[in-house]
Amino acid sequence: MIDLNHIDELARRLSGLVPPSLREGREELQQNFKSVLQSGLSRLDLVTREEFDVQRAVLLHTREKLDQLQRTVTELEAQLGSRVNAGAESADPSAPPRH
């Protein structure tokens, strides 16, 4: 959720930048600035810091799991490769190849 205090502060700062000749409508300008800022920010696809941190933790856990699975697959491929090679060496050379 967007922190409205920050938007209020920014709207106050923007209205403070208005030339003195236009300061009579300062409150109205400040409300307009606030409205435009809220509208613009609400259209952005933003997440809270808490949501970001949760998704980051999930991603890190997923990455660790993927690394572990890759190591397991590599080990299994190596075992399978050594069994295939051992089987080929012990096979009868005069026997026809299997398909």
Protein backbone atom coordinates (compact mmCIF):
# COMPACT_ATOMS: atom_id res chain seq x y z
CA MET A 1 0.00 0.00 0.00
CA ILE A 2 1.20 3.50 -0.78
CA ASP A 3 2.14 5.64 2.23
CA LEU A 4 -0.15 8.66 2.02
CA ASN A 5 2.09 10.68 4.36
CA HIS A 6 4.79 10.70 1.69
CA ILE A 7 2.29 11.82 -0.94
CA ASP A 8 1.01 14.59 1.35
CA GLU A 9 4.56 15.78 1.99
CA LEU A 10 5.40 15.77 -1.71
CA ALA A 11 2.18 17.64 -2.52
CA ARG A 12 3.07 20.26 0.14
CA ARG A 13 6.54 20.66 -1.33
CA LEU A 14 5.17 21.04 -4.85
CA SER A 15 2.63 23.63 -3.75
CA GLY A 16 5.45 25.47 -1.95
CA LEU A 17 7.22 25.86 -5.29
CA VAL A 18 4.32 27.81 -6.76
CA PRO A 19 5.13 31.50 -7.39
CA PRO A 20 3.88 33.92 -4.70
CA SER A 21 1.35 35.48 -7.09
CA LEU A 22 -0.48 32.14 -7.30
CA ARG A 23 -0.26 31.19 -3.63
CA GLU A 24 -3.84 32.21 -2.89
CA GLY A 25 -4.98 28.92 -4.41
CA ARG A 26 -2.27 26.97 -2.60
CA GLU A 27 -4.63 24.57 -0.78
CA GLU A 28 -6.42 23.78 -4.01
CA LEU A 29 -3.12 23.21 -5.81
CA GLN A 30 -1.90 21.00 -3.00
CA GLN A 31 -5.06 18.87 -3.27
CA ASN A 32 -4.65 18.70 -7.05
CA PHE A 33 -1.01 17.66 -6.71
CA LYS A 34 -2.00 15.01 -4.17
CA SER A 35 -4.77 13.70 -6.41
CA VAL A 36 -2.49 13.50 -9.47
CA LEU A 37 0.24 11.76 -7.48
CA GLN A 38 -2.17 9.21 -6.00
CA SER A 39 -3.70 8.55 -9.41
CA GLY A 40 -0.33 8.09 -11.09
CA LEU A 41 1.05 5.84 -8.38
CA SER A 42 -2.08 3.71 -8.22
CA ARG A 43 -1.66 2.86 -11.92
CA LEU A 44 1.81 1.46 -11.28
CA ASP A 45 2.17 -2.24 -10.57
CA LEU A 46 3.82 -1.86 -7.15
CA VAL A 47 4.21 -4.26 -4.25
CA THR A 48 4.95 -3.57 -0.63
CA ARG A 49 8.40 -4.16 0.79
CA GLU A 50 6.97 -7.05 2.83
CA GLU A 51 5.55 -8.73 -0.30
CA PHE A 52 8.87 -8.20 -2.07
CA ASP A 53 10.83 -9.74 0.80
CA VAL A 54 8.51 -12.78 0.92
CA GLN A 55 8.88 -13.36 -2.82
CA ARG A 56 12.64 -12.92 -2.57
CA ALA A 57 12.81 -15.60 0.13
CA VAL A 58 10.69 -17.94 -1.99
CA LEU A 59 12.96 -17.34 -4.98
CA LEU A 60 16.11 -18.02 -2.95
CA HIS A 61 14.62 -21.26 -1.60
CA THR A 62 13.59 -22.29 -5.11
CA ARG A 63 17.06 -21.53 -6.45
CA GLU A 64 18.66 -23.65 -3.70
CA LYS A 65 16.29 -26.52 -4.47
CA LEU A 66 17.04 -26.23 -8.20
CA ASP A 67 20.79 -26.35 -7.51
CA GLN A 68 20.32 -29.47 -5.38
CA LEU A 69 18.21 -31.14 -8.08
CA GLN A 70 20.81 -30.31 -10.73
CA ARG A 71 23.52 -31.93 -8.60
CA THR A 72 21.33 -35.01 -8.14
CA VAL A 73 20.66 -35.29 -11.87
CA THR A 74 24.37 -34.95 -12.63
CA GLU A 75 25.19 -37.70 -10.13
CA LEU A 76 22.49 -39.99 -11.56
CA GLU A 77 23.70 -39.35 -15.11
CA ALA A 78 27.24 -40.20 -14.04
CA GLN A 79 26.07 -43.43 -12.38
CA LEU A 80 24.02 -44.35 -15.42
CA GLY A 81 26.93 -43.58 -17.73
CA SER A 82 29.31 -45.76 -15.72
CA ARG A 83 26.81 -48.63 -15.72
CA VAL A 84 26.32 -48.36 -19.48
CA ASN A 85 30.07 -48.31 -20.04
CA ALA A 86 30.58 -51.26 -17.68
CA GLY A 87 27.85 -53.18 -19.46
CA ALA A 88 29.36 -52.50 -22.87
CA GLU A 89 32.78 -53.70 -21.73
CA SER A 90 31.44 -56.94 -20.30
CA ALA A 91 29.20 -57.70 -23.29
CA ASP A 92 30.16 -60.50 -25.70
CA PRO A 93 31.84 -58.82 -28.70
CA SER A 94 30.48 -61.51 -31.06
CA ALA A 95 26.86 -60.89 -29.98
CA PRO A 96 24.73 -58.73 -32.30
CA PRO A 97 24.03 -55.20 -31.02
CA ARG A 98 20.71 -54.59 -29.23
CA HIS A 99 18.26 -52.00 -30.59
